[in-house]
């Protein structure tokens, strides 16, 4: 299941999109006015469907406005079929376009194709709630604030976050994060976890839970 944002000023179009995608198991947030959205919360979406022609703001202009804040695919919904308009949309930061009117299977096929690609190519980063991992720069953010993790702390966070809910012992964390031949021992993991928690708590988050007698997991 993916969390999808659909933005279109036409109520009937939003209802159609919601019905199609919800029947396929997705969670859909439908919005008529993009300017009503909190841009800091856009990272929670796995994919955005964005109408081009809207009275409040042009879809392409809105895409340019938010592109630096979201890493998910943005698909334009457009009644236009002129090549220049399509090119402009892709240059503004869009990943694809769907020309109106579209069929049920076409919408599903486009959406599912982009979601599958995201799962295969999630190299730029990923989000868990308000926590964002930028894998290319090896940094972690809460909202727009960078969490000052060391390299070791970052590795531990990525290991736990990518397998959210799975419990790891200190020994497993040490072996998978640092390798068998690294200096030190598994007891160092406890100190790393302690430091990670302190840094996240300063920005209002506490993502790592202790499972007593077993180890740690990402909430």
N, C-alpha and C. Protein backbone atom coordinates (compact mmCIF):
# COMPACT_ATOMS: atom_id res chain seq x y z
N UNK A 1 0.84 -1.20 0.00
CA UNK A 1 0.00 0.00 0.00
C UNK A 1 0.87 1.24 0.00
N UNK A 2 0.53 2.19 -0.85
CA UNK A 2 1.26 3.46 -0.92
C UNK A 2 0.35 4.60 -0.46
N UNK A 3 0.98 5.67 0.01
CA UNK A 3 0.25 6.88 0.39
C UNK A 3 0.41 7.88 -0.75
N UNK A 4 -0.71 8.22 -1.37
CA UNK A 4 -0.69 9.02 -2.60
C UNK A 4 -1.44 10.33 -2.39
N UNK A 5 -0.84 11.42 -2.85
CA UNK A 5 -1.49 12.72 -2.83
C UNK A 5 -2.03 13.02 -4.23
N UNK A 6 -3.32 13.33 -4.31
CA UNK A 6 -3.95 13.71 -5.59
C UNK A 6 -4.42 15.16 -5.48
N UNK A 7 -3.96 16.00 -6.39
CA UNK A 7 -4.31 17.42 -6.38
C UNK A 7 -4.98 17.78 -7.69
N UNK A 8 -6.24 18.21 -7.61
CA UNK A 8 -7.00 18.58 -8.81
C UNK A 8 -8.15 19.46 -8.36
N UNK A 9 -8.42 20.53 -9.09
CA UNK A 9 -9.48 21.46 -8.68
C UNK A 9 -10.87 20.93 -9.03
N UNK A 10 -10.94 19.83 -9.80
CA UNK A 10 -12.24 19.26 -10.17
C UNK A 10 -12.62 18.15 -9.19
N UNK A 11 -13.72 18.35 -8.50
CA UNK A 11 -14.17 17.39 -7.49
C UNK A 11 -14.43 16.01 -8.08
N UNK A 12 -15.06 15.97 -9.26
CA UNK A 12 -15.37 14.68 -9.89
C UNK A 12 -14.09 13.89 -10.22
N UNK A 13 -13.06 14.61 -10.64
CA UNK A 13 -11.79 13.95 -10.97
C UNK A 13 -11.16 13.37 -9.72
N UNK A 14 -11.21 14.10 -8.61
CA UNK A 14 -10.65 13.60 -7.36
C UNK A 14 -11.38 12.36 -6.87
N UNK A 15 -12.71 12.37 -7.00
CA UNK A 15 -13.50 11.20 -6.59
C UNK A 15 -13.14 9.99 -7.43
N UNK A 16 -12.98 10.20 -8.73
CA UNK A 16 -12.61 9.11 -9.64
C UNK A 16 -11.25 8.53 -9.25
N UNK A 17 -10.27 9.41 -9.03
CA UNK A 17 -8.91 8.95 -8.67
C UNK A 17 -8.94 8.19 -7.35
N UNK A 18 -9.65 8.74 -6.38
CA UNK A 18 -9.75 8.08 -5.07
C UNK A 18 -10.33 6.68 -5.21
N UNK A 19 -11.42 6.57 -5.94
CA UNK A 19 -12.09 5.27 -6.09
C UNK A 19 -11.17 4.25 -6.77
N UNK A 20 -10.47 4.67 -7.81
CA UNK A 20 -9.60 3.76 -8.55
C UNK A 20 -8.45 3.27 -7.67
N UNK A 21 -7.77 4.21 -7.01
CA UNK A 21 -6.56 3.85 -6.25
C UNK A 21 -6.88 3.16 -4.93
N UNK A 22 -7.98 3.54 -4.29
CA UNK A 22 -8.36 2.88 -3.04
C UNK A 22 -8.74 1.42 -3.27
N UNK A 23 -9.39 1.15 -4.40
CA UNK A 23 -9.75 -0.23 -4.72
C UNK A 23 -8.50 -1.09 -4.95
N UNK A 24 -7.39 -0.43 -5.26
CA UNK A 24 -6.14 -1.15 -5.46
C UNK A 24 -5.29 -1.17 -4.18
N UNK A 25 -5.90 -0.75 -3.07
CA UNK A 25 -5.24 -0.86 -1.78
C UNK A 25 -4.43 0.32 -1.32
N UNK A 26 -4.49 1.44 -2.05
CA UNK A 26 -3.69 2.60 -1.68
C UNK A 26 -4.47 3.58 -0.80
N UNK A 27 -3.72 4.34 -0.04
CA UNK A 27 -4.30 5.42 0.78
C UNK A 27 -4.17 6.71 -0.02
N UNK A 28 -5.29 7.40 -0.23
CA UNK A 28 -5.29 8.59 -1.08
C UNK A 28 -5.73 9.82 -0.29
N UNK A 29 -4.93 10.88 -0.40
CA UNK A 29 -5.28 12.18 0.18
C UNK A 29 -5.61 13.10 -0.97
N UNK A 30 -6.89 13.49 -1.08
CA UNK A 30 -7.36 14.31 -2.19
C UNK A 30 -7.47 15.77 -1.77
N UNK A 31 -6.90 16.65 -2.58
CA UNK A 31 -6.86 18.08 -2.26
C UNK A 31 -7.23 18.89 -3.51
N UNK A 32 -8.12 19.90 -3.34
CA UNK A 32 -8.52 20.73 -4.48
C UNK A 32 -7.59 21.92 -4.68
N UNK A 33 -7.07 22.47 -3.58
CA UNK A 33 -6.20 23.64 -3.66
C UNK A 33 -4.81 23.30 -3.12
N UNK A 34 -3.79 23.25 -3.98
CA UNK A 34 -2.46 22.88 -3.51
C UNK A 34 -1.87 23.85 -2.50
N UNK A 35 -2.33 25.10 -2.53
CA UNK A 35 -1.80 26.09 -1.60
C UNK A 35 -2.26 25.86 -0.16
N UNK A 36 -3.23 24.94 0.01
CA UNK A 36 -3.70 24.62 1.36
C UNK A 36 -2.80 23.58 2.03
N UNK A 37 -1.89 23.00 1.26
CA UNK A 37 -1.03 21.94 1.79
C UNK A 37 0.12 22.51 2.62
N UNK A 38 0.50 21.78 3.66
CA UNK A 38 1.69 22.09 4.43
C UNK A 38 2.87 21.44 3.72
N UNK A 39 3.71 22.23 3.12
CA UNK A 39 4.80 21.69 2.30
C UNK A 39 5.79 20.87 3.12
N UNK A 40 5.85 21.10 4.41
CA UNK A 40 6.77 20.34 5.27
C UNK A 40 6.28 18.91 5.49
N UNK A 41 5.02 18.64 5.14
CA UNK A 41 4.48 17.29 5.33
C UNK A 41 4.42 16.48 4.05
N UNK A 42 4.94 17.03 2.96
CA UNK A 42 4.82 16.36 1.67
C UNK A 42 5.70 15.12 1.56
N UNK A 43 6.69 15.01 2.41
CA UNK A 43 7.61 13.86 2.32
C UNK A 43 6.94 12.53 2.68
N UNK A 44 5.78 12.61 3.31
CA UNK A 44 5.12 11.37 3.71
C UNK A 44 4.47 10.64 2.54
N UNK A 45 4.39 11.32 1.39
CA UNK A 45 3.71 10.70 0.24
C UNK A 45 4.70 9.88 -0.59
N UNK A 46 4.20 8.74 -1.09
CA UNK A 46 5.00 7.87 -1.95
C UNK A 46 4.90 8.28 -3.41
N UNK A 47 3.84 9.03 -3.74
CA UNK A 47 3.64 9.48 -5.12
C UNK A 47 2.64 10.63 -5.10
N UNK A 48 2.84 11.59 -6.03
CA UNK A 48 1.94 12.74 -6.11
C UNK A 48 1.35 12.83 -7.52
N UNK A 49 0.02 12.92 -7.60
CA UNK A 49 -0.69 13.18 -8.85
C UNK A 49 -1.09 14.65 -8.85
N UNK A 50 -0.63 15.40 -9.85
CA UNK A 50 -0.78 16.85 -9.81
C UNK A 50 -1.38 17.37 -11.11
N UNK A 51 -2.56 17.97 -11.00
CA UNK A 51 -3.21 18.56 -12.17
C UNK A 51 -2.41 19.76 -12.65
N UNK A 52 -2.38 19.97 -13.95
CA UNK A 52 -1.63 21.10 -14.51
C UNK A 52 -2.43 22.39 -14.44
N UNK A 53 -3.68 22.35 -14.91
CA UNK A 53 -4.49 23.57 -15.00
C UNK A 53 -5.33 23.74 -13.75
N UNK A 54 -4.90 24.62 -12.84
CA UNK A 54 -5.64 24.91 -11.61
C UNK A 54 -5.70 26.42 -11.41
N UNK A 55 -6.79 26.93 -10.85
CA UNK A 55 -6.94 28.39 -10.71
C UNK A 55 -6.01 29.01 -9.66
N UNK A 56 -5.69 28.24 -8.63
CA UNK A 56 -4.89 28.82 -7.53
C UNK A 56 -3.42 28.96 -7.90
N UNK A 57 -2.87 27.94 -8.56
CA UNK A 57 -1.48 27.95 -8.99
C UNK A 57 -1.31 26.90 -10.09
N UNK A 58 -0.54 27.21 -11.10
CA UNK A 58 -0.27 26.27 -12.17
C UNK A 58 0.45 25.04 -11.59
N UNK A 59 0.05 23.86 -12.04
CA UNK A 59 0.63 22.64 -11.52
C UNK A 59 2.14 22.56 -11.71
N UNK A 60 2.61 23.05 -12.84
CA UNK A 60 4.04 23.03 -13.10
C UNK A 60 4.79 23.96 -12.14
N UNK A 61 4.19 25.12 -11.87
CA UNK A 61 4.80 26.06 -10.93
C UNK A 61 4.84 25.46 -9.53
N UNK A 62 3.77 24.76 -9.16
CA UNK A 62 3.74 24.14 -7.83
C UNK A 62 4.77 23.02 -7.75
N UNK A 63 4.94 22.29 -8.83
CA UNK A 63 5.93 21.22 -8.86
C UNK A 63 7.33 21.79 -8.62
N UNK A 64 7.66 22.87 -9.31
CA UNK A 64 8.96 23.52 -9.12
C UNK A 64 9.14 23.97 -7.67
N UNK A 65 8.04 24.43 -7.08
CA UNK A 65 8.06 24.95 -5.72
C UNK A 65 8.39 23.87 -4.69
N UNK A 66 7.87 22.65 -4.93
CA UNK A 66 8.01 21.59 -3.92
C UNK A 66 9.06 20.54 -4.27
N UNK A 67 9.60 20.58 -5.49
CA UNK A 67 10.46 19.48 -5.94
C UNK A 67 11.66 19.25 -5.03
N UNK A 68 12.23 20.32 -4.49
CA UNK A 68 13.40 20.15 -3.62
C UNK A 68 13.03 19.56 -2.26
N UNK A 69 11.74 19.52 -1.96
CA UNK A 69 11.30 19.04 -0.65
C UNK A 69 10.76 17.62 -0.68
N UNK A 70 10.57 17.06 -1.87
CA UNK A 70 10.04 15.70 -1.96
C UNK A 70 10.91 14.87 -2.90
N UNK A 71 11.00 13.60 -2.60
CA UNK A 71 11.81 12.69 -3.41
C UNK A 71 10.95 11.70 -4.18
N UNK A 72 9.64 11.78 -4.00
CA UNK A 72 8.75 10.80 -4.63
C UNK A 72 8.43 11.19 -6.06
N UNK A 73 7.91 10.27 -6.86
CA UNK A 73 7.50 10.60 -8.24
C UNK A 73 6.34 11.58 -8.24
N UNK A 74 6.39 12.52 -9.19
CA UNK A 74 5.29 13.46 -9.41
C UNK A 74 4.77 13.23 -10.82
N UNK A 75 3.49 12.86 -10.92
CA UNK A 75 2.85 12.60 -12.22
C UNK A 75 1.84 13.70 -12.50
N UNK A 76 1.98 14.35 -13.65
CA UNK A 76 1.04 15.39 -14.02
C UNK A 76 -0.23 14.80 -14.62
N UNK A 77 -1.36 15.40 -14.28
CA UNK A 77 -2.64 15.11 -14.91
C UNK A 77 -2.95 16.29 -15.82
N UNK A 78 -3.02 16.06 -17.12
CA UNK A 78 -3.17 17.18 -18.04
C UNK A 78 -4.11 16.86 -19.18
N UNK A 79 -4.89 17.87 -19.57
CA UNK A 79 -5.75 17.74 -20.74
C UNK A 79 -4.97 18.12 -21.99
N UNK A 80 -3.77 18.65 -21.79
CA UNK A 80 -2.95 19.06 -22.92
C UNK A 80 -2.24 17.86 -23.54
N UNK A 81 -2.04 17.92 -24.82
CA UNK A 81 -1.30 16.85 -25.49
C UNK A 81 -0.21 17.41 -26.39
N UNK A 82 0.03 18.73 -26.26
CA UNK A 82 1.06 19.38 -27.07
C UNK A 82 2.43 19.02 -26.50
N UNK A 83 3.33 18.61 -27.37
CA UNK A 83 4.64 18.13 -26.93
C UNK A 83 5.38 19.16 -26.09
N UNK A 84 5.30 20.43 -26.45
CA UNK A 84 6.02 21.47 -25.71
C UNK A 84 5.55 21.55 -24.26
N UNK A 85 4.24 21.37 -24.06
CA UNK A 85 3.70 21.42 -22.70
C UNK A 85 4.17 20.22 -21.89
N UNK A 86 4.23 19.06 -22.53
CA UNK A 86 4.69 17.85 -21.86
C UNK A 86 6.15 18.01 -21.44
N UNK A 87 6.96 18.53 -22.36
CA UNK A 87 8.39 18.75 -22.06
C UNK A 87 8.54 19.73 -20.91
N UNK A 88 7.76 20.80 -20.93
CA UNK A 88 7.83 21.79 -19.85
C UNK A 88 7.52 21.15 -18.49
N UNK A 89 6.53 20.27 -18.49
CA UNK A 89 6.16 19.60 -17.25
C UNK A 89 7.27 18.73 -16.71
N UNK A 90 7.93 17.99 -17.59
CA UNK A 90 9.02 17.12 -17.15
C UNK A 90 10.22 17.93 -16.71
N UNK A 91 10.48 19.05 -17.38
CA UNK A 91 11.60 19.90 -16.98
C UNK A 91 11.35 20.60 -15.65
N UNK A 92 10.08 20.77 -15.29
CA UNK A 92 9.77 21.43 -14.02
C UNK A 92 9.96 20.52 -12.82
N UNK A 93 10.26 19.25 -13.09
CA UNK A 93 10.51 18.31 -11.99
C UNK A 93 9.57 17.13 -11.97
N UNK A 94 8.65 17.07 -12.93
CA UNK A 94 7.73 15.94 -13.00
C UNK A 94 8.42 14.71 -13.54
N UNK A 95 7.87 13.55 -13.20
CA UNK A 95 8.43 12.28 -13.64
C UNK A 95 7.67 11.68 -14.82
N UNK A 96 6.41 12.07 -14.96
CA UNK A 96 5.59 11.47 -16.01
C UNK A 96 4.32 12.31 -16.12
N UNK A 97 3.49 11.99 -17.10
CA UNK A 97 2.21 12.68 -17.25
C UNK A 97 1.15 11.70 -17.71
N UNK A 98 -0.09 11.99 -17.36
CA UNK A 98 -1.24 11.20 -17.82
C UNK A 98 -2.21 12.17 -18.45
N UNK A 99 -2.56 11.92 -19.69
CA UNK A 99 -3.44 12.83 -20.41
C UNK A 99 -4.90 12.51 -20.12
N UNK A 100 -5.67 13.54 -19.77
CA UNK A 100 -7.11 13.38 -19.55
C UNK A 100 -7.82 13.39 -20.90
N UNK A 101 -8.92 12.63 -21.04
CA UNK A 101 -9.43 11.64 -20.08
C UNK A 101 -8.59 10.36 -20.13
N UNK A 102 -8.45 9.72 -18.99
CA UNK A 102 -7.66 8.49 -18.94
C UNK A 102 -8.54 7.34 -18.45
N UNK A 103 -8.14 6.14 -18.78
CA UNK A 103 -8.87 4.97 -18.34
C UNK A 103 -8.38 4.47 -17.00
N UNK A 104 -9.18 3.64 -16.37
CA UNK A 104 -8.84 3.07 -15.06
C UNK A 104 -7.52 2.32 -15.13
N UNK A 105 -7.37 1.48 -16.11
CA UNK A 105 -6.18 0.64 -16.21
C UNK A 105 -4.94 1.47 -16.52
N UNK A 106 -5.10 2.52 -17.29
CA UNK A 106 -3.95 3.38 -17.59
C UNK A 106 -3.44 4.06 -16.33
N UNK A 107 -4.35 4.61 -15.53
CA UNK A 107 -3.94 5.28 -14.29
C UNK A 107 -3.25 4.29 -13.37
N UNK A 108 -3.85 3.12 -13.19
CA UNK A 108 -3.25 2.11 -12.32
C UNK A 108 -1.88 1.68 -12.83
N UNK A 109 -1.77 1.47 -14.13
CA UNK A 109 -0.51 1.00 -14.70
C UNK A 109 0.60 2.03 -14.49
N UNK A 110 0.30 3.29 -14.71
CA UNK A 110 1.31 4.35 -14.54
C UNK A 110 1.73 4.46 -13.08
N UNK A 111 0.74 4.49 -12.19
CA UNK A 111 1.04 4.63 -10.77
C UNK A 111 1.85 3.45 -10.26
N UNK A 112 1.42 2.24 -10.59
CA UNK A 112 2.11 1.05 -10.09
C UNK A 112 3.53 0.95 -10.65
N UNK A 113 3.72 1.35 -11.90
CA UNK A 113 5.05 1.30 -12.51
C UNK A 113 6.02 2.21 -11.77
N UNK A 114 5.56 3.40 -11.41
CA UNK A 114 6.44 4.33 -10.70
C UNK A 114 6.69 3.88 -9.27
N UNK A 115 5.70 3.30 -8.64
CA UNK A 115 5.89 2.81 -7.27
C UNK A 115 6.87 1.64 -7.26
N UNK A 116 6.78 0.76 -8.25
CA UNK A 116 7.73 -0.36 -8.33
C UNK A 116 9.15 0.14 -8.55
N UNK A 117 9.29 1.12 -9.40
CA UNK A 117 10.62 1.66 -9.67
C UNK A 117 11.20 2.30 -8.42
N UNK A 118 10.35 2.97 -7.65
CA UNK A 118 10.82 3.58 -6.41
C UNK A 118 11.34 2.54 -5.44
N UNK A 119 10.68 1.41 -5.39
CA UNK A 119 11.13 0.35 -4.49
C UNK A 119 12.47 -0.21 -4.95
N UNK A 120 12.70 -0.27 -6.24
CA UNK A 120 13.95 -0.80 -6.76
C UNK A 120 15.08 0.22 -6.67
N UNK A 121 14.74 1.50 -6.82
CA UNK A 121 15.78 2.52 -6.97
C UNK A 121 15.74 3.55 -5.86
N UNK A 122 15.43 3.14 -4.66
CA UNK A 122 15.33 4.09 -3.56
C UNK A 122 16.73 4.45 -3.06
N UNK A 123 17.50 5.05 -3.96
CA UNK A 123 18.89 5.35 -3.62
C UNK A 123 19.05 6.76 -3.06
N UNK A 124 18.16 7.65 -3.42
CA UNK A 124 18.32 9.05 -2.99
C UNK A 124 17.95 9.24 -1.53
N UNK A 125 16.98 8.47 -1.04
CA UNK A 125 16.57 8.62 0.34
C UNK A 125 15.24 7.94 0.61
N UNK A 126 14.82 7.99 1.88
CA UNK A 126 13.51 7.48 2.25
C UNK A 126 13.06 8.17 3.52
N UNK A 127 11.76 8.15 3.73
CA UNK A 127 11.16 8.83 4.88
C UNK A 127 10.46 7.83 5.79
N UNK A 128 10.56 8.07 7.08
CA UNK A 128 9.79 7.34 8.08
C UNK A 128 9.17 8.39 8.99
N UNK A 129 7.90 8.71 8.71
CA UNK A 129 7.27 9.79 9.46
C UNK A 129 7.96 11.10 9.12
N UNK A 130 8.35 11.85 10.15
CA UNK A 130 9.01 13.13 9.94
C UNK A 130 10.52 12.99 9.78
N UNK A 131 11.02 11.76 9.86
CA UNK A 131 12.46 11.51 9.75
C UNK A 131 12.81 11.15 8.31
N UNK A 132 13.77 11.88 7.74
CA UNK A 132 14.17 11.67 6.35
C UNK A 132 15.63 11.26 6.28
N UNK A 133 15.88 10.17 5.56
CA UNK A 133 17.24 9.70 5.33
C UNK A 133 17.68 10.10 3.92
N UNK A 134 18.75 10.84 3.81
CA UNK A 134 19.34 11.18 2.53
C UNK A 134 20.53 10.25 2.33
N UNK A 135 20.32 9.20 1.53
CA UNK A 135 21.34 8.17 1.39
C UNK A 135 22.55 8.65 0.59
N UNK A 136 22.34 9.59 -0.31
CA UNK A 136 23.46 10.07 -1.12
C UNK A 136 24.46 10.87 -0.30
N UNK A 137 23.96 11.66 0.64
CA UNK A 137 24.85 12.47 1.49
C UNK A 137 25.09 11.85 2.86
N UNK A 138 24.42 10.70 3.11
CA UNK A 138 24.55 10.00 4.39
C UNK A 138 24.22 10.91 5.57
N UNK A 139 23.07 11.57 5.45
CA UNK A 139 22.59 12.45 6.51
C UNK A 139 21.13 12.13 6.84
N UNK A 140 20.72 12.55 8.05
CA UNK A 140 19.36 12.32 8.52
C UNK A 140 18.76 13.66 8.97
N UNK A 141 17.50 13.88 8.60
CA UNK A 141 16.83 15.12 8.95
C UNK A 141 15.52 14.82 9.67
N UNK A 142 15.16 15.69 10.60
CA UNK A 142 13.82 15.71 11.18
C UNK A 142 13.23 17.04 10.74
N UNK A 143 12.16 16.97 9.93
CA UNK A 143 11.67 18.16 9.22
C UNK A 143 12.85 18.70 8.42
N UNK A 144 13.25 19.95 8.64
CA UNK A 144 14.40 20.50 7.89
C UNK A 144 15.67 20.55 8.72
N UNK A 145 15.61 20.01 9.94
CA UNK A 145 16.77 20.07 10.83
C UNK A 145 17.63 18.82 10.72
N UNK A 146 18.91 19.01 10.46
CA UNK A 146 19.83 17.90 10.34
C UNK A 146 20.17 17.33 11.71
N UNK A 147 20.15 16.00 11.83
CA UNK A 147 20.54 15.34 13.08
C UNK A 147 22.04 15.04 12.98
N UNK A 148 22.86 15.56 13.88
CA UNK A 148 24.32 15.45 13.76
C UNK A 148 24.87 14.09 14.18
N UNK A 149 24.60 13.08 13.37
CA UNK A 149 25.05 11.73 13.68
C UNK A 149 26.48 11.50 13.21
N UNK A 150 27.22 10.69 13.96
CA UNK A 150 28.52 10.23 13.49
C UNK A 150 28.31 9.16 12.42
N UNK A 151 29.38 8.76 11.73
CA UNK A 151 29.25 7.73 10.71
C UNK A 151 28.72 6.42 11.30
N UNK A 152 29.21 6.07 12.47
CA UNK A 152 28.76 4.82 13.10
C UNK A 152 27.29 4.90 13.50
N UNK A 153 26.90 6.03 14.05
CA UNK A 153 25.51 6.22 14.46
C UNK A 153 24.60 6.19 13.24
N UNK A 154 25.04 6.82 12.16
CA UNK A 154 24.26 6.82 10.94
C UNK A 154 24.05 5.40 10.41
N UNK A 155 25.11 4.60 10.40
CA UNK A 155 25.00 3.23 9.91
C UNK A 155 24.00 2.42 10.73
N UNK A 156 24.02 2.61 12.03
CA UNK A 156 23.09 1.88 12.89
C UNK A 156 21.65 2.30 12.58
N UNK A 157 21.44 3.60 12.41
CA UNK A 157 20.10 4.11 12.11
C UNK A 157 19.57 3.56 10.79
N UNK A 158 20.41 3.53 9.77
CA UNK A 158 19.98 3.02 8.46
C UNK A 158 19.63 1.53 8.56
N UNK A 159 20.46 0.76 9.27
CA UNK A 159 20.18 -0.66 9.43
C UNK A 159 18.82 -0.89 10.08
N UNK A 160 18.56 -0.20 11.18
CA UNK A 160 17.30 -0.39 11.90
C UNK A 160 16.10 0.18 11.13
N UNK A 161 16.30 1.36 10.54
CA UNK A 161 15.18 2.03 9.86
C UNK A 161 14.74 1.27 8.62
N UNK A 162 15.69 0.70 7.87
CA UNK A 162 15.33 -0.03 6.66
C UNK A 162 14.57 -1.31 6.98
N UNK A 163 14.72 -1.79 8.20
CA UNK A 163 14.00 -3.00 8.61
C UNK A 163 13.14 -2.66 9.83
N UNK A 164 12.38 -1.61 9.67
CA UNK A 164 11.54 -1.10 10.75
C UNK A 164 10.70 -2.21 11.38
N UNK A 165 10.74 -2.28 12.72
CA UNK A 165 9.96 -3.27 13.46
C UNK A 165 10.72 -4.54 13.76
N UNK A 166 11.79 -4.82 13.02
CA UNK A 166 12.60 -6.02 13.26
C UNK A 166 13.56 -5.77 14.41
N UNK A 167 13.67 -6.73 15.31
CA UNK A 167 14.53 -6.59 16.49
C UNK A 167 15.92 -7.14 16.19
N UNK A 168 16.94 -6.36 16.52
CA UNK A 168 18.34 -6.76 16.33
C UNK A 168 19.04 -6.80 17.69
N UNK A 169 19.82 -7.84 17.93
CA UNK A 169 20.65 -7.88 19.13
C UNK A 169 21.84 -6.95 18.94
N UNK A 170 22.54 -6.64 20.04
CA UNK A 170 23.73 -5.80 19.93
C UNK A 170 24.77 -6.45 19.02
N UNK A 171 24.89 -7.76 19.14
CA UNK A 171 25.86 -8.48 18.31
C UNK A 171 25.51 -8.39 16.83
N UNK A 172 24.22 -8.53 16.50
CA UNK A 172 23.79 -8.45 15.11
C UNK A 172 24.03 -7.05 14.55
N UNK A 173 23.71 -6.04 15.36
CA UNK A 173 23.93 -4.66 14.92
C UNK A 173 25.40 -4.41 14.65
N UNK A 174 26.23 -4.89 15.56
CA UNK A 174 27.67 -4.68 15.42
C UNK A 174 28.20 -5.37 14.16
N UNK A 175 27.82 -6.62 13.98
CA UNK A 175 28.32 -7.39 12.85
C UNK A 175 27.86 -6.82 11.51
N UNK A 176 26.57 -6.43 11.44
CA UNK A 176 26.03 -5.95 10.18
C UNK A 176 26.42 -4.51 9.87
N UNK A 177 26.75 -3.76 10.91
CA UNK A 177 27.11 -2.37 10.71
C UNK A 177 28.59 -2.17 10.50
N UNK A 178 29.40 -2.89 11.28
CA UNK A 178 30.84 -2.66 11.24
C UNK A 178 31.64 -3.81 10.63
N UNK A 179 31.08 -5.00 10.60
CA UNK A 179 31.80 -6.13 10.05
C UNK A 179 32.57 -6.86 11.14
N UNK A 180 32.85 -8.12 10.90
CA UNK A 180 33.50 -8.97 11.90
C UNK A 180 34.91 -8.49 12.24
N UNK A 181 35.56 -7.85 11.28
CA UNK A 181 36.96 -7.52 11.48
C UNK A 181 37.17 -6.12 12.05
N UNK A 182 36.11 -5.40 12.33
CA UNK A 182 36.25 -4.05 12.87
C UNK A 182 36.74 -4.10 14.30
N UNK A 183 37.45 -3.06 14.69
CA UNK A 183 37.93 -2.98 16.07
C UNK A 183 36.77 -2.70 17.00
N UNK A 184 36.90 -3.12 18.24
CA UNK A 184 35.86 -2.88 19.22
C UNK A 184 35.01 -4.11 19.43
N UNK A 185 33.93 -3.98 20.15
CA UNK A 185 33.05 -5.11 20.39
C UNK A 185 31.61 -4.64 20.45
N UNK A 186 30.71 -5.58 20.60
CA UNK A 186 29.29 -5.28 20.52
C UNK A 186 28.81 -4.37 21.65
N UNK A 187 29.55 -4.31 22.75
CA UNK A 187 29.12 -3.44 23.85
C UNK A 187 29.12 -1.97 23.44
N UNK A 188 29.88 -1.64 22.39
CA UNK A 188 29.91 -0.26 21.90
C UNK A 188 28.56 0.16 21.34
N UNK A 189 27.78 -0.82 20.89
CA UNK A 189 26.48 -0.52 20.30
C UNK A 189 25.58 0.19 21.31
N UNK A 190 25.63 -0.23 22.57
CA UNK A 190 24.79 0.40 23.60
C UNK A 190 25.08 1.89 23.71
N UNK A 191 26.36 2.25 23.65
CA UNK A 191 26.73 3.66 23.73
C UNK A 191 26.28 4.42 22.49
N UNK A 192 26.42 3.78 21.35
CA UNK A 192 25.95 4.42 20.12
C UNK A 192 24.44 4.68 20.18
N UNK A 193 23.70 3.69 20.64
CA UNK A 193 22.25 3.84 20.75
C UNK A 193 21.90 4.98 21.71
N UNK A 194 22.62 5.03 22.81
CA UNK A 194 22.39 6.10 23.80
C UNK A 194 22.61 7.47 23.17
N UNK A 195 23.67 7.62 22.40
CA UNK A 195 23.96 8.89 21.75
C UNK A 195 22.95 9.23 20.67
N UNK A 196 22.54 8.21 19.92
CA UNK A 196 21.53 8.42 18.87
C UNK A 196 20.23 8.93 19.48
N UNK A 197 19.81 8.31 20.57
CA UNK A 197 18.56 8.72 21.22
C UNK A 197 18.64 10.16 21.71
N UNK A 198 19.78 10.52 22.30
CA UNK A 198 19.93 11.88 22.82
C UNK A 198 19.82 12.91 21.70
N UNK A 199 20.41 12.59 20.56
CA UNK A 199 20.38 13.53 19.43
C UNK A 199 18.98 13.66 18.83
N UNK A 200 18.27 12.54 18.74
CA UNK A 200 16.91 12.61 18.22
C UNK A 200 15.96 13.28 19.20
N UNK A 201 16.16 13.07 20.49
CA UNK A 201 15.29 13.67 21.48
C UNK A 201 15.37 15.20 21.47
N UNK A 202 16.53 15.72 21.07
CA UNK A 202 16.68 17.18 20.99
C UNK A 202 15.79 17.78 19.92
N UNK A 203 15.38 16.97 18.94
CA UNK A 203 14.48 17.46 17.89
C UNK A 203 13.09 16.81 17.99
N UNK A 204 12.80 16.29 19.18
CA UNK A 204 11.45 15.81 19.47
C UNK A 204 11.11 14.43 18.95
N UNK A 205 12.11 13.59 18.68
CA UNK A 205 11.85 12.24 18.18
C UNK A 205 12.55 11.21 19.07
N UNK A 206 11.98 10.00 19.12
CA UNK A 206 12.59 8.90 19.87
C UNK A 206 12.31 7.60 19.11
N UNK A 207 13.01 7.40 17.99
CA UNK A 207 12.63 6.32 17.06
C UNK A 207 13.10 4.92 17.44
N UNK A 208 14.08 4.79 18.33
CA UNK A 208 14.65 3.48 18.63
C UNK A 208 14.12 2.96 19.97
N UNK A 209 13.53 1.79 19.94
CA UNK A 209 12.97 1.17 21.15
C UNK A 209 13.86 0.03 21.61
N UNK A 210 13.91 -0.16 22.92
CA UNK A 210 14.62 -1.30 23.51
C UNK A 210 13.64 -2.44 23.71
N UNK A 211 13.99 -3.61 23.22
CA UNK A 211 13.21 -4.82 23.48
C UNK A 211 14.01 -5.60 24.51
N UNK A 212 13.58 -5.52 25.75
CA UNK A 212 14.37 -6.01 26.87
C UNK A 212 14.74 -7.48 26.72
N UNK A 213 16.02 -7.72 26.91
CA UNK A 213 16.52 -9.08 26.83
C UNK A 213 16.84 -9.55 25.43
N UNK A 214 16.50 -8.71 24.43
CA UNK A 214 16.74 -9.11 23.03
C UNK A 214 17.63 -8.09 22.32
N UNK A 215 17.18 -6.84 22.25
CA UNK A 215 17.98 -5.85 21.54
C UNK A 215 17.21 -4.58 21.25
N UNK A 216 17.31 -4.10 20.03
CA UNK A 216 16.71 -2.82 19.66
C UNK A 216 15.94 -2.92 18.35
N UNK A 217 15.00 -2.00 18.17
CA UNK A 217 14.26 -1.92 16.90
C UNK A 217 13.87 -0.48 16.63
N UNK A 218 13.58 -0.21 15.38
CA UNK A 218 13.09 1.10 14.96
C UNK A 218 11.57 1.10 15.06
N UNK A 219 11.02 2.05 15.81
CA UNK A 219 9.56 2.10 16.01
C UNK A 219 8.82 2.42 14.71
